[in-house]
Amino acid sequence: MSLERNWQNFINESAEERTIFTYIQGLDEVISNFKPRTMTEKRRLALARQNLREVKRYARKMQNEAIVLQEKLSILEESLTGDE
């Protein structure tokens, strides 16, 4: 199976199954399949991998913050319904 076909299959998945981590994994697979021919390409791929790790770290942080905020919201909603 070619890289292009893999990428098309990834793009055509249903939107309900996609998360930011799905996109990150897809990009990681694409970057991993590149074979650099020059030192410049090798450096660019190393930079892309480093940037992808940073994106993954920030995505996890945002997901954790979203979970905390959802918990706080549910607590606030419970207190509002309890006061009434």
PDB file of N, CA and C in Angstrom:
ATOM      1  N   MET A   1       0.850  -1.181   0.000  1.00  0.00           N
ATOM      2  CA  MET A   1       0.000   0.000   0.000  1.00  0.00           C
ATOM      3  C   MET A   1       0.895   1.243   0.000  1.00  0.00           C
ATOM      4  N   SER A   2       0.587   2.206  -0.833  1.00  0.00           N
ATOM      5  CA  SER A   2       1.424   3.382  -0.961  1.00  0.00           C
ATOM      6  C   SER A   2       1.124   4.396   0.136  1.00  0.00           C
ATOM      7  N   LEU A   3       2.052   5.291   0.331  1.00  0.00           N
ATOM      8  CA  LEU A   3       1.897   6.351   1.321  1.00  0.00           C
ATOM      9  C   LEU A   3       0.701   7.229   0.974  1.00  0.00           C
ATOM     10  N   GLU A   4       0.533   7.509  -0.314  1.00  0.00           N
ATOM     11  CA  GLU A   4      -0.596   8.348  -0.734  1.00  0.00           C
ATOM     12  C   GLU A   4      -1.932   7.676  -0.418  1.00  0.00           C
ATOM     13  N   ARG A   5      -2.022   6.393  -0.646  1.00  0.00           N
ATOM     14  CA  ARG A   5      -3.260   5.665  -0.365  1.00  0.00           C
ATOM     15  C   ARG A   5      -3.523   5.645   1.147  1.00  0.00           C
ATOM     16  N   ASN A   6      -2.464   5.433   1.949  1.00  0.00           N
ATOM     17  CA  ASN A   6      -2.622   5.484   3.412  1.00  0.00           C
ATOM     18  C   ASN A   6      -3.145   6.847   3.848  1.00  0.00           C
ATOM     19  N   TRP A   7      -2.567   7.876   3.267  1.00  0.00           N
ATOM     20  CA  TRP A   7      -2.984   9.235   3.621  1.00  0.00           C
ATOM     21  C   TRP A   7      -4.439   9.466   3.222  1.00  0.00           C
ATOM     22  N   GLN A   8      -4.848   9.022   2.052  1.00  0.00           N
ATOM     23  CA  GLN A   8      -6.231   9.183   1.605  1.00  0.00           C
ATOM     24  C   GLN A   8      -7.185   8.432   2.524  1.00  0.00           C
ATOM     25  N   ASN A   9      -6.808   7.235   2.946  1.00  0.00           N
ATOM     26  CA  ASN A   9      -7.643   6.485   3.891  1.00  0.00           C
ATOM     27  C   ASN A   9      -7.772   7.231   5.206  1.00  0.00           C
ATOM     28  N   PHE A  10      -6.689   7.823   5.644  1.00  0.00           N
ATOM     29  CA  PHE A  10      -6.716   8.600   6.880  1.00  0.00           C
ATOM     30  C   PHE A  10      -7.651   9.805   6.737  1.00  0.00           C
ATOM     31  N   ILE A  11      -7.563  10.493   5.624  1.00  0.00           N
ATOM     32  CA  ILE A  11      -8.391  11.678   5.386  1.00  0.00           C
ATOM     33  C   ILE A  11      -9.863  11.295   5.300  1.00  0.00           C
ATOM     34  N   ASN A  12     -10.174  10.154   4.719  1.00  0.00           N
ATOM     35  CA  ASN A  12     -11.556   9.759   4.472  1.00  0.00           C
ATOM     36  C   ASN A  12     -12.251   9.118   5.669  1.00  0.00           C
ATOM     37  N   GLU A  13     -11.557   8.949   6.783  1.00  0.00           N
ATOM     38  CA  GLU A  13     -12.205   8.384   7.971  1.00  0.00           C
ATOM     39  C   GLU A  13     -13.327   9.309   8.406  1.00  0.00           C
ATOM     40  N   SER A  14     -14.284   8.753   9.111  1.00  0.00           N
ATOM     41  CA  SER A  14     -15.401   9.589   9.548  1.00  0.00           C
ATOM     42  C   SER A  14     -14.931  10.619  10.560  1.00  0.00           C
ATOM     43  N   ALA A  15     -15.533  11.787  10.524  1.00  0.00           N
ATOM     44  CA  ALA A  15     -15.130  12.893  11.378  1.00  0.00           C
ATOM     45  C   ALA A  15     -15.369  12.598  12.852  1.00  0.00           C
ATOM     46  N   GLU A  16     -16.286  11.714  13.160  1.00  0.00           N
ATOM     47  CA  GLU A  16     -16.599  11.407  14.552  1.00  0.00           C
ATOM     48  C   GLU A  16     -15.442  10.714  15.249  1.00  0.00           C
ATOM     49  N   GLU A  17     -14.629   9.984  14.515  1.00  0.00           N
ATOM     50  CA  GLU A  17     -13.534   9.229  15.103  1.00  0.00           C
ATOM     51  C   GLU A  17     -12.275  10.067  15.266  1.00  0.00           C
ATOM     52  N   ARG A  18     -12.222  11.240  14.697  1.00  0.00           N
ATOM     53  CA  ARG A  18     -11.010  12.047  14.700  1.00  0.00           C
ATOM     54  C   ARG A  18     -10.877  12.862  15.981  1.00  0.00           C
ATOM     55  N   THR A  19      -9.679  12.868  16.496  1.00  0.00           N
ATOM     56  CA  THR A  19      -9.315  13.754  17.590  1.00  0.00           C
ATOM     57  C   THR A  19      -8.003  14.414  17.195  1.00  0.00           C
ATOM     58  N   ILE A  20      -7.560  15.328  17.988  1.00  0.00           N
ATOM     59  CA  ILE A  20      -6.280  15.971  17.688  1.00  0.00           C
ATOM     60  C   ILE A  20      -5.156  14.950  17.699  1.00  0.00           C
ATOM     61  N   PHE A  21      -5.296  13.923  18.537  1.00  0.00           N
ATOM     62  CA  PHE A  21      -4.255  12.903  18.608  1.00  0.00           C
ATOM     63  C   PHE A  21      -4.257  12.022  17.363  1.00  0.00           C
ATOM     64  N   THR A  22      -5.392  11.885  16.708  1.00  0.00           N
ATOM     65  CA  THR A  22      -5.464  11.152  15.447  1.00  0.00           C
ATOM     66  C   THR A  22      -4.681  11.897  14.372  1.00  0.00           C
ATOM     67  N   TYR A  23      -4.861  13.210  14.338  1.00  0.00           N
ATOM     68  CA  TYR A  23      -4.125  14.024  13.374  1.00  0.00           C
ATOM     69  C   TYR A  23      -2.625  13.985  13.656  1.00  0.00           C
ATOM     70  N   ILE A  24      -2.265  14.067  14.923  1.00  0.00           N
ATOM     71  CA  ILE A  24      -0.851  14.032  15.296  1.00  0.00           C
ATOM     72  C   ILE A  24      -0.232  12.701  14.894  1.00  0.00           C
ATOM     73  N   GLN A  25      -0.947  11.612  15.140  1.00  0.00           N
ATOM     74  CA  GLN A  25      -0.435  10.290  14.769  1.00  0.00           C
ATOM     75  C   GLN A  25      -0.261  10.188  13.255  1.00  0.00           C
ATOM     76  N   GLY A  26      -1.211  10.726  12.506  1.00  0.00           N
ATOM     77  CA  GLY A  26      -1.102  10.701  11.053  1.00  0.00           C
ATOM     78  C   GLY A  26       0.105  11.479  10.565  1.00  0.00           C
ATOM     79  N   LEU A  27       0.323  12.652  11.146  1.00  0.00           N
ATOM     80  CA  LEU A  27       1.489  13.446  10.767  1.00  0.00           C
ATOM     81  C   LEU A  27       2.786  12.731  11.149  1.00  0.00           C
ATOM     82  N   ASP A  28       2.793  12.096  12.306  1.00  0.00           N
ATOM     83  CA  ASP A  28       3.980  11.358  12.736  1.00  0.00           C
ATOM     84  C   ASP A  28       4.296  10.232  11.761  1.00  0.00           C
ATOM     85  N   GLU A  29       3.277   9.536  11.297  1.00  0.00           N
ATOM     86  CA  GLU A  29       3.488   8.456  10.334  1.00  0.00           C
ATOM     87  C   GLU A  29       4.005   8.989   9.006  1.00  0.00           C
ATOM     88  N   VAL A  30       3.470  10.120   8.575  1.00  0.00           N
ATOM     89  CA  VAL A  30       3.930  10.712   7.314  1.00  0.00           C
ATOM     90  C   VAL A  30       5.388  11.126   7.433  1.00  0.00           C
ATOM     91  N   ILE A  31       5.734  11.780   8.545  1.00  0.00           N
ATOM     92  CA  ILE A  31       7.117  12.214   8.743  1.00  0.00           C
ATOM     93  C   ILE A  31       8.052  11.009   8.818  1.00  0.00           C
ATOM     94  N   SER A  32       7.613   9.955   9.465  1.00  0.00           N
ATOM     95  CA  SER A  32       8.453   8.762   9.606  1.00  0.00           C
ATOM     96  C   SER A  32       8.723   8.082   8.272  1.00  0.00           C
ATOM     97  N   ASN A  33       7.815   8.221   7.322  1.00  0.00           N
ATOM     98  CA  ASN A  33       7.976   7.567   6.023  1.00  0.00           C
ATOM     99  C   ASN A  33       8.864   8.332   5.056  1.00  0.00           C
ATOM    100  N   PHE A  34       9.202   9.578   5.391  1.00  0.00           N
ATOM    101  CA  PHE A  34      10.097  10.348   4.534  1.00  0.00           C
ATOM    102  C   PHE A  34      11.525   9.855   4.703  1.00  0.00           C
ATOM    103  N   LYS A  35      12.227   9.752   3.604  1.00  0.00           N
ATOM    104  CA  LYS A  35      13.634   9.370   3.630  1.00  0.00           C
ATOM    105  C   LYS A  35      14.457  10.558   3.116  1.00  0.00           C
ATOM    106  N   PRO A  36      15.135  11.250   4.022  1.00  0.00           N
ATOM    107  CA  PRO A  36      15.893  12.435   3.595  1.00  0.00           C
ATOM    108  C   PRO A  36      17.071  12.049   2.702  1.00  0.00           C
ATOM    109  N   ARG A  37      17.281  12.876   1.695  1.00  0.00           N
ATOM    110  CA  ARG A  37      18.372  12.611   0.761  1.00  0.00           C
ATOM    111  C   ARG A  37      19.560  13.536   1.002  1.00  0.00           C
ATOM    112  N   THR A  38      19.292  14.654   1.643  1.00  0.00           N
ATOM    113  CA  THR A  38      20.370  15.612   1.897  1.00  0.00           C
ATOM    114  C   THR A  38      20.383  15.945   3.387  1.00  0.00           C
ATOM    115  N   MET A  39      21.454  16.595   3.799  1.00  0.00           N
ATOM    116  CA  MET A  39      21.549  17.014   5.199  1.00  0.00           C
ATOM    117  C   MET A  39      20.474  18.054   5.524  1.00  0.00           C
ATOM    118  N   THR A  40      20.149  18.892   4.570  1.00  0.00           N
ATOM    119  CA  THR A  40      19.108  19.901   4.791  1.00  0.00           C
ATOM    120  C   THR A  40      17.767  19.230   5.056  1.00  0.00           C
ATOM    121  N   GLU A  41      17.437  18.244   4.242  1.00  0.00           N
ATOM    122  CA  GLU A  41      16.184  17.514   4.452  1.00  0.00           C
ATOM    123  C   GLU A  41      16.196  16.785   5.791  1.00  0.00           C
ATOM    124  N   LYS A  42      17.359  16.239   6.154  1.00  0.00           N
ATOM    125  CA  LYS A  42      17.483  15.532   7.428  1.00  0.00           C
ATOM    126  C   LYS A  42      17.226  16.490   8.596  1.00  0.00           C
ATOM    127  N   ARG A  43      17.778  17.684   8.523  1.00  0.00           N
ATOM    128  CA  ARG A  43      17.566  18.687   9.577  1.00  0.00           C
ATOM    129  C   ARG A  43      16.105  19.135   9.626  1.00  0.00           C
ATOM    130  N   ARG A  44      15.517  19.310   8.472  1.00  0.00           N
ATOM    131  CA  ARG A  44      14.104  19.723   8.434  1.00  0.00           C
ATOM    132  C   ARG A  44      13.201  18.662   9.049  1.00  0.00           C
ATOM    133  N   LEU A  45      13.474  17.399   8.762  1.00  0.00           N
ATOM    134  CA  LEU A  45      12.681  16.316   9.359  1.00  0.00           C
ATOM    135  C   LEU A  45      12.893  16.248  10.864  1.00  0.00           C
ATOM    136  N   ALA A  46      14.112  16.468  11.314  1.00  0.00           N
ATOM    137  CA  ALA A  46      14.373  16.474  12.755  1.00  0.00           C
ATOM    138  C   ALA A  46      13.604  17.612  13.415  1.00  0.00           C
ATOM    139  N   LEU A  47      13.581  18.772  12.776  1.00  0.00           N
ATOM    140  CA  LEU A  47      12.827  19.902  13.305  1.00  0.00           C
ATOM    141  C   LEU A  47      11.329  19.613  13.299  1.00  0.00           C
ATOM    142  N   ALA A  48      10.841  18.974  12.244  1.00  0.00           N
ATOM    143  CA  ALA A  48       9.419  18.619  12.170  1.00  0.00           C
ATOM    144  C   ALA A  48       9.057  17.639  13.278  1.00  0.00           C
ATOM    145  N   ARG A  49       9.919  16.667  13.549  1.00  0.00           N
ATOM    146  CA  ARG A  49       9.664  15.715  14.638  1.00  0.00           C
ATOM    147  C   ARG A  49       9.637  16.419  15.996  1.00  0.00           C
ATOM    148  N   GLN A  50      10.576  17.337  16.187  1.00  0.00           N
ATOM    149  CA  GLN A  50      10.622  18.089  17.441  1.00  0.00           C
ATOM    150  C   GLN A  50       9.362  18.939  17.597  1.00  0.00           C
ATOM    151  N   ASN A  51       8.950  19.606  16.545  1.00  0.00           N
ATOM    152  CA  ASN A  51       7.735  20.417  16.594  1.00  0.00           C
ATOM    153  C   ASN A  51       6.509  19.554  16.868  1.00  0.00           C
ATOM    154  N   LEU A  52       6.467  18.378  16.284  1.00  0.00           N
ATOM    155  CA  LEU A  52       5.347  17.471  16.502  1.00  0.00           C
ATOM    156  C   LEU A  52       5.291  17.002  17.955  1.00  0.00           C
ATOM    157  N   ARG A  53       6.456  16.764  18.565  1.00  0.00           N
ATOM    158  CA  ARG A  53       6.481  16.402  19.992  1.00  0.00           C
ATOM    159  C   ARG A  53       5.930  17.541  20.845  1.00  0.00           C
ATOM    160  N   GLU A  54       6.281  18.774  20.494  1.00  0.00           N
ATOM    161  CA  GLU A  54       5.775  19.934  21.233  1.00  0.00           C
ATOM    162  C   GLU A  54       4.259  20.064  21.072  1.00  0.00           C
ATOM    163  N   VAL A  55       3.781  19.835  19.858  1.00  0.00           N
ATOM    164  CA  VAL A  55       2.336  19.897  19.607  1.00  0.00           C
ATOM    165  C   VAL A  55       1.626  18.833  20.431  1.00  0.00           C
ATOM    166  N   LYS A  56       2.198  17.645  20.488  1.00  0.00           N
ATOM    167  CA  LYS A  56       1.605  16.553  21.267  1.00  0.00           C
ATOM    168  C   LYS A  56       1.555  16.924  22.749  1.00  0.00           C
ATOM    169  N   ARG A  57       2.629  17.527  23.248  1.00  0.00           N
ATOM    170  CA  ARG A  57       2.670  17.938  24.652  1.00  0.00           C
ATOM    171  C   ARG A  57       1.589  18.981  24.948  1.00  0.00           C
ATOM    172  N   TYR A  58       1.482  19.985  24.081  1.00  0.00           N
ATOM    173  CA  TYR A  58       0.468  21.021  24.283  1.00  0.00           C
ATOM    174  C   TYR A  58      -0.946  20.461  24.146  1.00  0.00           C
ATOM    175  N   ALA A  59      -1.125  19.500  23.250  1.00  0.00           N
ATOM    176  CA  ALA A  59      -2.451  18.891  23.077  1.00  0.00           C
ATOM    177  C   ALA A  59      -2.866  18.146  24.337  1.00  0.00           C
ATOM    178  N   ARG A  60      -1.920  17.406  24.932  1.00  0.00           N
ATOM    179  CA  ARG A  60      -2.227  16.714  26.188  1.00  0.00           C
ATOM    180  C   ARG A  60      -2.565  17.712  27.288  1.00  0.00           C
ATOM    181  N   LYS A  61      -1.800  18.793  27.341  1.00  0.00           N
ATOM    182  CA  LYS A  61      -2.049  19.828  28.348  1.00  0.00           C
ATOM    183  C   LYS A  61      -3.431  20.446  28.152  1.00  0.00           C
ATOM    184  N   MET A  62      -3.787  20.760  26.918  1.00  0.00           N
ATOM    185  CA  MET A  62      -5.099  21.337  26.636  1.00  0.00           C
ATOM    186  C   MET A  62      -6.212  20.355  26.973  1.00  0.00           C
ATOM    187  N   GLN A  63      -6.008  19.081  26.683  1.00  0.00           N
ATOM    188  CA  GLN A  63      -7.015  18.072  26.992  1.00  0.00           C
ATOM    189  C   GLN A  63      -7.220  17.966  28.504  1.00  0.00           C
ATOM    190  N   ASN A  64      -6.130  17.981  29.255  1.00  0.00           N
ATOM    191  CA  ASN A  64      -6.244  17.926  30.712  1.00  0.00           C
ATOM    192  C   ASN A  64      -6.957  19.155  31.263  1.00  0.00           C
ATOM    193  N   GLU A  65      -6.640  20.335  30.721  1.00  0.00           N
ATOM    194  CA  GLU A  65      -7.309  21.561  31.157  1.00  0.00           C
ATOM    195  C   GLU A  65      -8.797  21.521  30.821  1.00  0.00           C
ATOM    196  N   ALA A  66      -9.136  20.978  29.663  1.00  0.00           N
ATOM    197  CA  ALA A  66     -10.541  20.869  29.272  1.00  0.00           C
ATOM    198  C   ALA A  66     -11.297  19.954  30.228  1.00  0.00           C
ATOM    199  N   ILE A  67     -10.668  18.864  30.630  1.00  0.00           N
ATOM    200  CA  ILE A  67     -11.307  17.938  31.574  1.00  0.00           C
ATOM    201  C   ILE A  67     -11.548  18.625  32.906  1.00  0.00           C
ATOM    202  N   VAL A  68     -10.552  19.375  33.396  1.00  0.00           N
ATOM    203  CA  VAL A  68     -10.700  20.097  34.665  1.00  0.00           C
ATOM    204  C   VAL A  68     -11.822  21.121  34.555  1.00  0.00           C
ATOM    205  N   LEU A  69     -11.867  21.839  33.446  1.00  0.00           N
ATOM    206  CA  LEU A  69     -12.917  22.840  33.263  1.00  0.00           C
ATOM    207  C   LEU A  69     -14.294  22.200  33.175  1.00  0.00           C
ATOM    208  N   GLN A  70     -14.407  21.045  32.540  1.00  0.00           N
ATOM    209  CA  GLN A  70     -15.685  20.342  32.474  1.00  0.00           C
ATOM    210  C   GLN A  70     -16.134  19.906  33.865  1.00  0.00           C
ATOM    211  N   GLU A  71     -15.186  19.453  34.672  1.00  0.00           N
ATOM    212  CA  GLU A  71     -15.522  19.063  36.042  1.00  0.00           C
ATOM    213  C   GLU A  71     -15.996  20.263  36.853  1.00  0.00           C
ATOM    214  N   LYS A  72     -15.304  21.393  36.698  1.00  0.00           N
ATOM    215  CA  LYS A  72     -15.702  22.607  37.409  1.00  0.00           C
ATOM    216  C   LYS A  72     -17.086  23.066  36.956  1.00  0.00           C
ATOM    217  N   LEU A  73     -17.353  22.975  35.660  1.00  0.00           N
ATOM    218  CA  LEU A  73     -18.654  23.369  35.139  1.00  0.00           C
ATOM    219  C   LEU A  73     -19.755  22.486  35.710  1.00  0.00           C
ATOM    220  N   SER A  74     -19.510  21.194  35.771  1.00  0.00           N
ATOM    221  CA  SER A  74     -20.548  20.307  36.311  1.00  0.00           C
ATOM    222  C   SER A  74     -20.775  20.590  37.788  1.00  0.00           C
ATOM    223  N   ILE A  75     -19.723  20.921  38.530  1.00  0.00           N
ATOM    224  CA  ILE A  75     -19.875  21.274  39.944  1.00  0.00           C
ATOM    225  C   ILE A  75     -20.700  22.545  40.079  1.00  0.00           C
ATOM    226  N   LEU A  76     -20.409  23.529  39.231  1.00  0.00           N
ATOM    227  CA  LEU A  76     -21.175  24.785  39.269  1.00  0.00           C
ATOM    228  C   LEU A  76     -22.638  24.545  38.909  1.00  0.00           C
ATOM    229  N   GLU A  77     -22.881  23.721  37.905  1.00  0.00           N
ATOM    230  CA  GLU A  77     -24.265  23.426  37.530  1.00  0.00           C
ATOM    231  C   GLU A  77     -25.001  22.695  38.647  1.00  0.00           C
ATOM    232  N   GLU A  78     -24.316  21.780  39.318  1.00  0.00           N
ATOM    233  CA  GLU A  78     -24.933  21.069  40.435  1.00  0.00           C
ATOM    234  C   GLU A  78     -25.251  22.034  41.572  1.00  0.00           C
ATOM    235  N   SER A  79     -24.356  22.964  41.832  1.00  0.00           N
ATOM    236  CA  SER A  79     -24.615  23.919  42.918  1.00  0.00           C
ATOM    237  C   SER A  79     -25.761  24.861  42.544  1.00  0.00           C
ATOM    238  N   LEU A  80     -25.891  25.196  41.273  1.00  0.00           N
ATOM    239  CA  LEU A  80     -26.988  26.056  40.834  1.00  0.00           C
ATOM    240  C   LEU A  80     -28.331  25.342  40.987  1.00  0.00           C
ATOM    241  N   THR A  81     -28.373  24.089  40.592  1.00  0.00           N
ATOM    242  CA  THR A  81     -29.632  23.349  40.700  1.00  0.00           C
ATOM    243  C   THR A  81     -29.931  23.031  42.164  1.00  0.00           C
ATOM    244  N   GLY A  82     -28.908  22.919  42.987  1.00  0.00           N
ATOM    245  CA  GLY A  82     -29.121  22.664  44.413  1.00  0.00           C
ATOM    246  C   GLY A  82     -29.651  23.871  45.149  1.00  0.00           C
ATOM    247  N   ASP A  83     -29.299  25.079  44.700  1.00  0.00           N
ATOM    248  CA  ASP A  83     -29.757  26.323  45.328  1.00  0.00           C
ATOM    249  C   ASP A  83     -31.217  26.636  45.000  1.00  0.00           C
ATOM    250  N   GLU A  84     -31.686  26.110  43.904  1.00  0.00           N
ATOM    251  CA  GLU A  84     -33.055  26.447  43.475  1.00  0.00           C
ATOM    252  C   GLU A  84     -34.073  25.623  44.141  1.00  0.00           C
TER     253      GLU A  84
END
